[in-house]
Amino acid sequence: MVEASVIRLELKRCRDAVHRTADGVVCLEREKMGLETAMKERREEIRLHVEMLRQQMKNVDMERHSLNAQLQDRVSRVDKLKKR
C-alpha cells in the first residue's frame, strides 16, 4: 500500500517534470517562430531599403552625368566665345 503510494507520487513528480519541460519547449518554439518571422520581415525591409538606395544612386549618377554634359557644353561655348 505504502509502496503503491510512493510509486504514484514518483509518477506524479515525473509527469509534472515532463509537462514543465514540454511547456518550456513549446514556449521556446513559439519564441523561435516569432524571431524567425521578425527576421524575415527585417530582411524584407532591408532588401527594400537597399533597392531604394540603389535607385537613388542610379538617379544621382544620371543627374551627375547630365550636369557634367551641361558643364562640358558651357565650357565649349566659353571657348568658342574666347576664340572670337
C-alpha atoms as a PDB file:
ATOM      1  CA  MET A   1       0.000   0.000   0.000  1.00  0.00           C
ATOM      2  CA  VAL A   2       2.707   2.463   1.009  1.00  0.00           C
ATOM      3  CA  GLU A   3       4.818   1.302  -1.894  1.00  0.00           C
ATOM      4  CA  ALA A   4       1.966   1.975  -4.331  1.00  0.00           C
ATOM      5  CA  SER A   5       1.533   5.483  -2.898  1.00  0.00           C
ATOM      6  CA  VAL A   6       5.263   6.130  -3.247  1.00  0.00           C
ATOM      7  CA  ILE A   7       5.162   4.927  -6.844  1.00  0.00           C
ATOM      8  CA  ARG A   8       2.128   7.142  -7.581  1.00  0.00           C
ATOM      9  CA  LEU A   9       3.885  10.151  -6.055  1.00  0.00           C
ATOM     10  CA  GLU A  10       7.012   9.403  -8.071  1.00  0.00           C
ATOM     11  CA  LEU A  11       4.884   9.022 -11.211  1.00  0.00           C
ATOM     12  CA  LYS A  12       3.142  12.338 -10.499  1.00  0.00           C
ATOM     13  CA  ARG A  13       6.504  14.057  -9.949  1.00  0.00           C
ATOM     14  CA  CYS A  14       7.825  12.625 -13.236  1.00  0.00           C
ATOM     15  CA  ARG A  15       4.688  13.674 -15.142  1.00  0.00           C
ATOM     16  CA  ASP A  16       4.937  17.193 -13.716  1.00  0.00           C
ATOM     17  CA  ALA A  17       8.586  17.365 -14.757  1.00  0.00           C
ATOM     18  CA  VAL A  18       7.712  16.184 -18.265  1.00  0.00           C
ATOM     19  CA  HIS A  19       4.878  18.714 -18.532  1.00  0.00           C
ATOM     20  CA  ARG A  20       7.127  21.553 -17.359  1.00  0.00           C
ATOM     21  CA  THR A  21       9.770  20.545 -19.872  1.00  0.00           C
ATOM     22  CA  ALA A  22       7.182  20.233 -22.648  1.00  0.00           C
ATOM     23  CA  ASP A  23       5.754  23.654 -21.784  1.00  0.00           C
ATOM     24  CA  GLY A  24       9.255  25.100 -21.874  1.00  0.00           C
ATOM     25  CA  VAL A  25       9.877  23.543 -25.278  1.00  0.00           C
ATOM     26  CA  VAL A  26       6.583  24.891 -26.631  1.00  0.00           C
ATOM     27  CA  CYS A  27       7.405  28.373 -25.340  1.00  0.00           C
ATOM     28  CA  LEU A  28      10.849  28.205 -26.934  1.00  0.00           C
ATOM     29  CA  GLU A  29       9.366  27.012 -30.230  1.00  0.00           C
ATOM     30  CA  ARG A  30       6.881  29.905 -30.212  1.00  0.00           C
ATOM     31  CA  GLU A  31       9.678  32.340 -29.450  1.00  0.00           C
ATOM     32  CA  LYS A  32      11.764  30.830 -32.258  1.00  0.00           C
ATOM     33  CA  MET A  33       8.880  31.193 -34.715  1.00  0.00           C
ATOM     34  CA  GLY A  34       8.341  34.795 -33.615  1.00  0.00           C
ATOM     35  CA  LEU A  35      12.028  35.571 -34.052  1.00  0.00           C
ATOM     36  CA  GLU A  36      12.106  33.909 -37.472  1.00  0.00           C
ATOM     37  CA  THR A  37       9.092  35.960 -38.553  1.00  0.00           C
ATOM     38  CA  ALA A  38      10.715  39.148 -37.264  1.00  0.00           C
ATOM     39  CA  MET A  39      13.935  38.252 -39.089  1.00  0.00           C
ATOM     40  CA  LYS A  40      12.068  37.657 -42.355  1.00  0.00           C
ATOM     41  CA  GLU A  41      10.278  40.985 -42.012  1.00  0.00           C
ATOM     42  CA  ARG A  42      13.532  42.776 -41.216  1.00  0.00           C
ATOM     43  CA  ARG A  43      15.287  41.143 -44.174  1.00  0.00           C
ATOM     44  CA  GLU A  44      12.476  42.342 -46.436  1.00  0.00           C
ATOM     45  CA  GLU A  45      12.739  45.865 -45.008  1.00  0.00           C
ATOM     46  CA  ILE A  46      16.493  45.812 -45.593  1.00  0.00           C
ATOM     47  CA  ARG A  47      16.037  44.500 -49.136  1.00  0.00           C
ATOM     48  CA  LEU A  48      13.574  47.286 -49.914  1.00  0.00           C
ATOM     49  CA  HIS A  49      15.854  49.887 -48.371  1.00  0.00           C
ATOM     50  CA  VAL A  50      18.844  48.622 -50.365  1.00  0.00           C
ATOM     51  CA  GLU A  51      16.764  48.724 -53.542  1.00  0.00           C
ATOM     52  CA  MET A  52      15.695  52.274 -52.766  1.00  0.00           C
ATOM     53  CA  LEU A  53      19.328  53.275 -52.164  1.00  0.00           C
ATOM     54  CA  ARG A  54      20.370  51.667 -55.446  1.00  0.00           C
ATOM     55  CA  GLN A  55      17.676  53.625 -57.253  1.00  0.00           C
ATOM     56  CA  GLN A  56      18.820  56.830 -55.564  1.00  0.00           C
ATOM     57  CA  MET A  57      22.408  56.095 -56.594  1.00  0.00           C
ATOM     58  CA  LYS A  58      21.257  55.493 -60.154  1.00  0.00           C
ATOM     59  CA  ASN A  59      19.327  58.787 -60.157  1.00  0.00           C
ATOM     60  CA  VAL A  60      22.257  60.698 -58.689  1.00  0.00           C
ATOM     61  CA  ASP A  61      24.601  59.142 -61.233  1.00  0.00           C
ATOM     62  CA  MET A  62      22.267  60.129 -64.070  1.00  0.00           C
ATOM     63  CA  GLU A  63      21.987  63.650 -62.670  1.00  0.00           C
ATOM     64  CA  ARG A  64      25.772  63.845 -62.325  1.00  0.00           C
ATOM     65  CA  HIS A  65      26.160  62.716 -65.914  1.00  0.00           C
ATOM     66  CA  SER A  66      23.648  65.322 -67.078  1.00  0.00           C
ATOM     67  CA  LEU A  67      25.357  68.089 -65.101  1.00  0.00           C
ATOM     68  CA  ASN A  68      28.715  67.009 -66.436  1.00  0.00           C
ATOM     69  CA  ALA A  69      27.367  67.195 -70.004  1.00  0.00           C
ATOM     70  CA  GLN A  70      25.953  70.672 -69.309  1.00  0.00           C
ATOM     71  CA  LEU A  71      29.290  71.761 -67.889  1.00  0.00           C
ATOM     72  CA  GLN A  72      31.141  70.489 -70.939  1.00  0.00           C
ATOM     73  CA  ASP A  73      28.670  72.297 -73.187  1.00  0.00           C
ATOM     74  CA  ARG A  74      29.168  75.567 -71.311  1.00  0.00           C
ATOM     75  CA  VAL A  75      32.942  75.143 -71.345  1.00  0.00           C
ATOM     76  CA  SER A  76      32.878  74.621 -75.090  1.00  0.00           C
ATOM     77  CA  ARG A  77      30.676  77.737 -75.517  1.00  0.00           C
ATOM     78  CA  VAL A  78      33.091  79.766 -73.425  1.00  0.00           C
ATOM     79  CA  ASP A  79      35.998  78.513 -75.549  1.00  0.00           C
ATOM     80  CA  LYS A  80      34.143  79.462 -78.731  1.00  0.00           C
ATOM     81  CA  LEU A  81      33.447  82.936 -77.354  1.00  0.00           C
ATOM     82  CA  LYS A  82      37.083  83.356 -76.372  1.00  0.00           C
ATOM     83  CA  LYS A  83      38.244  82.385 -79.851  1.00  0.00           C
ATOM     84  CA  ARG A  84      36.070  85.082 -81.447  1.00  0.00           C
END
